[in-house]
Amino acid sequence: MRIIAGKYRGRKLKSPPSLETRPTSDRLRETLFNVIAPRIKGMRFLDLCAGSGAVGIEALSRAAEQVTFVDRSRKMCGLIEANLDLCRITDGEVAVVTADAFDFLRKAVKRQLGTWDIIFYDPPYSEDYLPVLEALGSSASELLSPEGLLVIEHHHKTELPGETGALIRRRVLKQGESALSFYSRAESW
């Protein structure tokens, strides 16, 4: 894996040691950032189920102001920190949190951590997407900025709802076995 563009372009990242973690491919990351490029500069980015941290580090490379990495595995959080060190990224730009995605979102609302401009959610394909998607939809105003975007990476055969709470799916991009679903708040369209 490597960083595709921006100030860390070409830097190679460490990959997860097992096949249980499925990193977002370079090609799919490039597709994702081609879509969100106009929004990325100066934004707050939340990388849920971050794995190696490649997506969040790509966001930092492309001028995101701050990235929060969340993964339930301590080993993956250690890998994220190693990849941040490889790129010489300072602590002021990042937060690495060991937590389940659903629990993190619940605590983020409770602690009023503010909103993110882009939330990227990429759980293992075997996970049920709906609890986190429903939590995001019901707490959208406390988690997602008014013009914010939720992007979910999923298997292309996984059917996600077109609407949940205050979120509406605006677009689906399929690439190989993977797909990206883009959601925004209903009032932002």
Protein backbone atom coordinates (compact mmCIF):
# COMPACT_ATOMS: atom_id res chain seq x y z
CA MET A 1 0.00 0.00 0.00
CA ARG A 2 1.13 3.51 -0.76
CA ILE A 3 -0.11 7.08 -0.43
CA ILE A 4 -1.45 8.15 -3.83
CA ALA A 5 -1.30 11.96 -3.79
CA GLY A 6 -0.53 15.03 -1.68
CA LYS A 7 2.37 15.82 0.60
CA TYR A 8 2.98 12.16 1.55
CA ARG A 9 2.65 10.89 -2.02
CA GLY A 10 4.53 7.68 -2.73
CA ARG A 11 5.14 6.78 0.91
CA LYS A 12 4.72 3.07 1.49
CA LEU A 13 2.59 1.96 4.41
CA LYS A 14 2.78 -1.20 6.46
CA SER A 15 0.00 -3.68 5.72
CA PRO A 16 -2.02 -5.67 8.24
CA PRO A 17 -0.36 -9.00 9.09
CA SER A 18 -3.51 -11.11 8.61
CA LEU A 19 -6.23 -11.50 6.05
CA GLU A 20 -8.90 -10.67 8.66
CA THR A 21 -8.34 -6.99 7.88
CA ARG A 22 -9.17 -6.02 4.32
CA PRO A 23 -7.42 -2.74 3.44
CA THR A 24 -9.05 -0.40 0.94
CA SER A 25 -7.19 -0.95 -2.31
CA ASP A 26 -5.08 1.82 -3.85
CA ARG A 27 -7.47 1.90 -6.81
CA LEU A 28 -10.61 2.25 -4.69
CA ARG A 29 -8.92 4.89 -2.51
CA GLU A 30 -8.05 6.82 -5.66
CA THR A 31 -11.70 6.62 -6.79
CA LEU A 32 -12.88 7.79 -3.35
CA PHE A 33 -10.53 10.77 -3.30
CA ASN A 34 -11.36 11.73 -6.89
CA VAL A 35 -14.96 12.17 -5.69
CA ILE A 36 -14.24 13.96 -2.41
CA ALA A 37 -11.21 16.01 -3.54
CA PRO A 38 -13.07 19.36 -3.67
CA ARG A 39 -14.16 18.90 -0.03
CA ILE A 40 -11.00 17.61 1.63
CA LYS A 41 -8.89 20.71 2.34
CA GLY A 42 -9.16 21.93 5.93
CA MET A 43 -11.77 19.41 6.97
CA ARG A 44 -12.25 17.07 9.93
CA PHE A 45 -12.18 13.42 8.80
CA LEU A 46 -13.34 10.38 10.79
CA ASP A 47 -11.96 6.99 9.71
CA LEU A 48 -14.13 4.29 11.35
CA CYS A 49 -12.79 0.72 11.32
CA ALA A 50 -9.55 2.32 10.16
CA GLY A 51 -7.45 -0.86 9.82
CA SER A 52 -4.03 0.27 8.55
CA GLY A 53 -5.08 3.94 8.53
CA ALA A 54 -4.42 4.28 4.79
CA VAL A 55 -7.65 6.20 4.05
CA GLY A 56 -7.19 8.68 6.90
CA ILE A 57 -3.50 9.17 6.08
CA GLU A 58 -4.48 9.80 2.44
CA ALA A 59 -6.89 12.48 3.73
CA LEU A 60 -4.08 14.10 5.75
CA SER A 61 -1.80 13.94 2.72
CA ARG A 62 -4.43 15.84 0.75
CA ALA A 63 -4.71 18.64 3.36
CA ALA A 64 -7.40 17.45 5.77
CA GLU A 65 -7.00 19.49 8.95
CA GLN A 66 -7.60 16.69 11.42
CA VAL A 67 -8.22 12.93 11.24
CA THR A 68 -9.61 10.66 13.93
CA PHE A 69 -8.79 6.97 13.42
CA VAL A 70 -11.03 4.46 15.20
CA ASP A 71 -10.46 0.70 15.28
CA ARG A 72 -11.48 -1.87 17.87
CA SER A 73 -8.20 -3.79 17.54
CA ARG A 74 -5.21 -2.63 19.56
CA LYS A 75 -2.94 -4.26 16.98
CA MET A 76 -4.53 -2.21 14.19
CA CYS A 77 -4.23 0.98 16.25
CA GLY A 78 -0.54 0.15 16.72
CA LEU A 79 -0.24 -0.33 12.95
CA ILE A 80 -1.93 3.05 12.35
CA GLU A 81 0.55 4.71 14.74
CA ALA A 82 3.47 2.98 12.95
CA ASN A 83 2.16 4.24 9.58
CA LEU A 84 1.75 7.76 10.99
CA ASP A 85 5.36 7.58 12.20
CA LEU A 86 6.51 6.42 8.74
CA CYS A 87 4.95 9.57 7.28
CA ARG A 88 6.21 11.76 10.16
CA ILE A 89 2.70 13.00 10.94
CA THR A 90 2.45 15.00 14.17
CA ASP A 91 0.04 14.25 17.01
CA GLY A 92 -1.75 17.60 16.59
CA GLU A 93 -3.33 16.46 13.34
CA VAL A 94 -4.48 13.04 14.50
CA ALA A 95 -6.20 11.02 17.19
CA VAL A 96 -6.03 7.21 17.29
CA VAL A 97 -8.81 5.62 19.34
CA THR A 98 -9.19 1.96 20.25
CA ALA A 99 -12.95 1.44 20.29
CA ASP A 100 -15.81 -0.29 18.56
CA ALA A 101 -17.34 2.02 15.91
CA PHE A 102 -20.83 1.99 17.47
CA ASP A 103 -19.49 2.67 20.98
CA PHE A 104 -17.25 5.46 19.70
CA LEU A 105 -20.20 7.20 17.97
CA ARG A 106 -22.38 6.89 21.08
CA LYS A 107 -19.63 8.41 23.24
CA ALA A 108 -18.87 11.12 20.65
CA VAL A 109 -22.48 12.33 20.88
CA LYS A 110 -22.51 12.10 24.68
CA ARG A 111 -19.19 13.97 25.04
CA GLN A 112 -20.07 16.49 22.32
CA LEU A 113 -16.86 15.91 20.37
CA GLY A 114 -18.17 18.04 17.49
CA THR A 115 -18.97 17.15 13.91
CA TRP A 116 -16.87 15.69 11.14
CA ASP A 117 -16.96 16.86 7.53
CA ILE A 118 -16.37 13.37 6.15
CA ILE A 119 -16.97 10.07 7.92
CA PHE A 120 -15.53 7.01 6.21
CA TYR A 121 -16.86 3.67 7.49
CA ASP A 122 -15.21 0.46 6.28
CA PRO A 123 -16.07 -2.48 8.52
CA PRO A 124 -15.06 -6.04 7.70
CA TYR A 125 -17.52 -7.44 5.16
CA SER A 126 -18.82 -9.92 7.70
CA GLU A 127 -20.13 -7.17 9.98
CA ASP A 128 -23.67 -5.87 10.15
CA TYR A 129 -23.59 -2.29 8.81
CA LEU A 130 -27.05 -1.31 10.04
CA PRO A 131 -26.42 -0.53 13.74
CA VAL A 132 -23.65 1.97 12.90
CA LEU A 133 -25.55 3.37 9.91
CA GLU A 134 -28.67 3.82 12.06
CA ALA A 135 -26.62 5.46 14.83
CA LEU A 136 -25.15 7.87 12.29
CA GLY A 137 -28.58 8.59 10.83
CA SER A 138 -30.24 9.24 14.18
CA SER A 139 -27.35 11.44 15.42
CA ALA A 140 -26.42 13.02 12.09
CA SER A 141 -26.70 16.61 13.34
CA GLU A 142 -24.31 15.87 16.22
CA LEU A 143 -21.81 13.83 14.17
CA LEU A 144 -21.86 15.12 10.59
CA SER A 145 -21.42 18.78 9.62
CA PRO A 146 -24.36 20.31 7.69
CA GLU A 147 -22.63 19.80 4.32
CA GLY A 148 -20.85 16.65 5.52
CA LEU A 149 -20.57 13.32 3.79
CA LEU A 150 -20.73 9.75 5.08
CA VAL A 151 -18.98 7.22 2.83
CA ILE A 152 -19.42 3.50 3.45
CA GLU A 153 -17.22 0.90 1.77
CA HIS A 154 -19.02 -2.42 1.39
CA HIS A 155 -19.22 -5.56 -0.72
CA HIS A 156 -20.98 -4.75 -3.99
CA LYS A 157 -23.72 -7.30 -3.21
CA THR A 158 -24.48 -5.83 0.23
CA GLU A 159 -27.70 -3.87 0.05
CA LEU A 160 -27.69 -0.75 2.24
CA PRO A 161 -30.81 1.35 2.86
CA GLY A 162 -31.39 4.42 0.70
CA GLU A 163 -32.41 6.41 3.77
CA THR A 164 -31.77 6.13 7.48
CA GLY A 165 -32.75 8.78 10.00
CA ALA A 166 -31.56 12.15 8.69
CA LEU A 167 -29.26 10.58 6.05
CA ILE A 168 -30.03 9.92 2.40
CA ARG A 169 -27.87 7.89 0.04
CA ARG A 170 -26.91 10.12 -2.89
CA ARG A 171 -24.63 7.85 -4.90
CA VAL A 172 -23.19 4.34 -5.17
CA LEU A 173 -19.92 3.64 -7.00
CA LYS A 174 -19.01 0.01 -7.70
CA GLN A 175 -15.50 -1.17 -8.42
CA GLY A 176 -14.72 -4.87 -8.61
CA GLU A 177 -16.02 -6.62 -5.48
CA SER A 178 -16.30 -3.32 -3.57
CA ALA A 179 -18.72 -0.43 -3.58
CA LEU A 180 -18.80 3.03 -2.03
CA SER A 181 -22.14 4.44 -0.84
CA PHE A 182 -22.28 8.21 -0.29
CA TYR A 183 -24.76 9.64 2.22
CA SER A 184 -25.48 13.20 3.30
CA ARG A 185 -27.96 14.90 5.58
CA ALA A 186 -31.40 15.28 4.00
CA GLU A 187 -31.48 19.06 4.44
CA SER A 188 -28.09 19.57 2.76
CA TRP A 189 -29.26 18.65 -0.72
